[in-house]
């Protein structure tokens, strides 16, 4: 990935550039979560919102660390907590609605 030159000029910008370059895998995970959330519909969104204490704890700790210092080793545990809270709430439709997708993967 190309990093804009304005980001890499200063010391703190260099740290941001490293985080920007390392975000490739997380973007794919976020896209996958978004697909499952949209596919699950209202039941999934309701189940995710029922996990609000875990989401709040993860989000607040990331917010608190971002005010002081953004380092992946400090933010990693909170990010895992957020993703687990979201993944625990995913509800997929019944098998008759997902059968075309299942058959598509079996034909490969």
Protein backbone atom coordinates (compact mmCIF):
# COMPACT_ATOMS: atom_id res chain seq x y z
CA UNK A 1 0.00 0.00 0.00
CA UNK A 2 1.19 3.48 -0.74
CA UNK A 3 1.35 5.73 2.29
CA UNK A 4 0.83 9.46 1.70
CA UNK A 5 4.02 11.48 2.21
CA UNK A 6 2.38 13.82 4.72
CA UNK A 7 1.87 10.91 7.10
CA UNK A 8 5.49 9.74 7.06
CA UNK A 9 7.19 13.11 7.66
CA UNK A 10 7.12 13.37 11.46
CA UNK A 11 7.83 10.87 14.23
CA UNK A 12 4.21 10.38 15.26
CA UNK A 13 3.22 10.26 11.60
CA UNK A 14 5.62 7.37 11.09
CA UNK A 15 3.81 5.41 13.78
CA UNK A 16 0.49 6.16 12.09
CA UNK A 17 1.95 5.04 8.76
CA UNK A 18 2.92 1.68 10.27
CA UNK A 19 -0.59 1.20 11.64
CA UNK A 20 -2.02 2.21 8.25
CA UNK A 21 0.11 -0.41 6.48
CA UNK A 22 -0.73 -3.13 9.00
CA UNK A 23 -4.50 -2.58 8.67
CA UNK A 24 -4.84 -4.74 5.54
CA UNK A 25 -5.94 -7.90 7.36
CA UNK A 26 -8.29 -6.07 9.67
CA UNK A 27 -10.09 -4.45 6.75
CA UNK A 28 -10.90 -7.87 5.35
CA UNK A 29 -12.21 -8.99 8.73
CA UNK A 30 -14.37 -5.88 8.98
CA UNK A 31 -15.78 -6.52 5.50
CA UNK A 32 -16.63 -10.10 6.45
CA UNK A 33 -18.33 -8.98 9.65
CA UNK A 34 -20.35 -6.40 7.74
CA UNK A 35 -21.51 -9.05 5.26
CA UNK A 36 -22.65 -11.36 8.07
CA UNK A 37 -24.37 -8.51 9.93
CA UNK A 38 -26.29 -7.46 6.82
CA UNK A 39 -27.09 -11.07 5.92
CA UNK A 40 -28.35 -11.86 9.42
CA UNK A 41 -30.85 -9.01 9.39
CA UNK A 42 -32.69 -7.64 12.40
CA UNK A 43 -32.09 -10.72 14.56
CA UNK A 44 -28.34 -10.29 14.23
CA UNK A 45 -28.42 -6.58 15.01
CA UNK A 46 -30.62 -7.22 18.06
CA UNK A 47 -28.27 -9.95 19.34
CA UNK A 48 -25.21 -7.72 18.82
CA UNK A 49 -26.86 -4.85 20.69
CA UNK A 50 -27.59 -7.24 23.56
CA UNK A 51 -23.80 -7.57 23.97
CA UNK A 52 -23.50 -3.85 24.64
CA UNK A 53 -21.46 -4.22 27.88
CA UNK A 54 -18.66 -6.03 26.01
CA UNK A 55 -18.79 -3.58 23.12
CA UNK A 56 -18.73 -0.63 25.52
CA UNK A 57 -15.77 -2.05 27.47
CA UNK A 58 -13.76 -2.65 24.29
CA UNK A 59 -14.66 0.67 22.73
CA UNK A 60 -13.98 2.70 25.87
CA UNK A 61 -10.60 1.07 26.44
CA UNK A 62 -9.56 1.72 22.83
CA UNK A 63 -10.77 5.30 23.23
CA UNK A 64 -8.81 5.76 26.47
CA UNK A 65 -5.59 4.38 24.96
CA UNK A 66 -5.99 6.44 21.80
CA UNK A 67 -5.98 9.62 23.89
CA UNK A 68 -2.55 8.73 25.30
CA UNK A 69 -0.69 6.35 22.96
CA UNK A 70 -1.75 4.15 20.06
CA UNK A 71 0.28 0.95 20.12
CA UNK A 72 -1.02 -2.34 18.71
CA UNK A 73 0.02 -4.31 21.79
CA UNK A 74 -2.21 -2.15 24.01
CA UNK A 75 -5.18 -2.02 21.67
CA UNK A 76 -5.09 -5.69 20.59
CA UNK A 77 -6.95 -7.14 23.58
CA UNK A 78 -9.69 -4.56 23.30
CA UNK A 79 -10.04 -5.19 19.57
CA UNK A 80 -10.40 -8.93 20.25
CA UNK A 81 -13.10 -8.15 22.83
CA UNK A 82 -14.99 -6.06 20.28
CA UNK A 83 -14.79 -8.71 17.56
CA UNK A 84 -15.85 -11.52 19.93
CA UNK A 85 -18.85 -9.47 21.11
CA UNK A 86 -19.89 -8.86 17.50
CA UNK A 87 -19.26 -12.45 16.35
CA UNK A 88 -21.26 -13.83 19.30
CA UNK A 89 -24.28 -11.90 18.07
CA UNK A 90 -24.31 -13.08 14.47
CA UNK A 91 -27.46 -15.01 13.61
CA UNK A 92 -27.71 -16.49 10.13
CA UNK A 93 -30.98 -17.32 8.33
CA UNK A 94 -32.42 -20.82 8.28
CA UNK A 95 -30.99 -23.50 6.01
CA UNK A 96 -33.66 -23.16 3.31
CA UNK A 97 -32.62 -19.53 2.78
CA UNK A 98 -28.89 -20.35 2.70
CA UNK A 99 -29.14 -23.50 0.57
CA UNK A 100 -28.22 -21.73 -2.71
CA UNK A 101 -24.99 -20.46 -1.15
CA UNK A 102 -24.20 -23.87 0.30
CA UNK A 103 -24.75 -25.55 -3.08
CA UNK A 104 -22.56 -22.94 -4.77
CA UNK A 105 -19.63 -23.79 -2.48
CA UNK A 106 -20.11 -27.55 -2.94
CA UNK A 107 -19.87 -27.26 -6.75
CA UNK A 108 -16.33 -25.89 -6.58
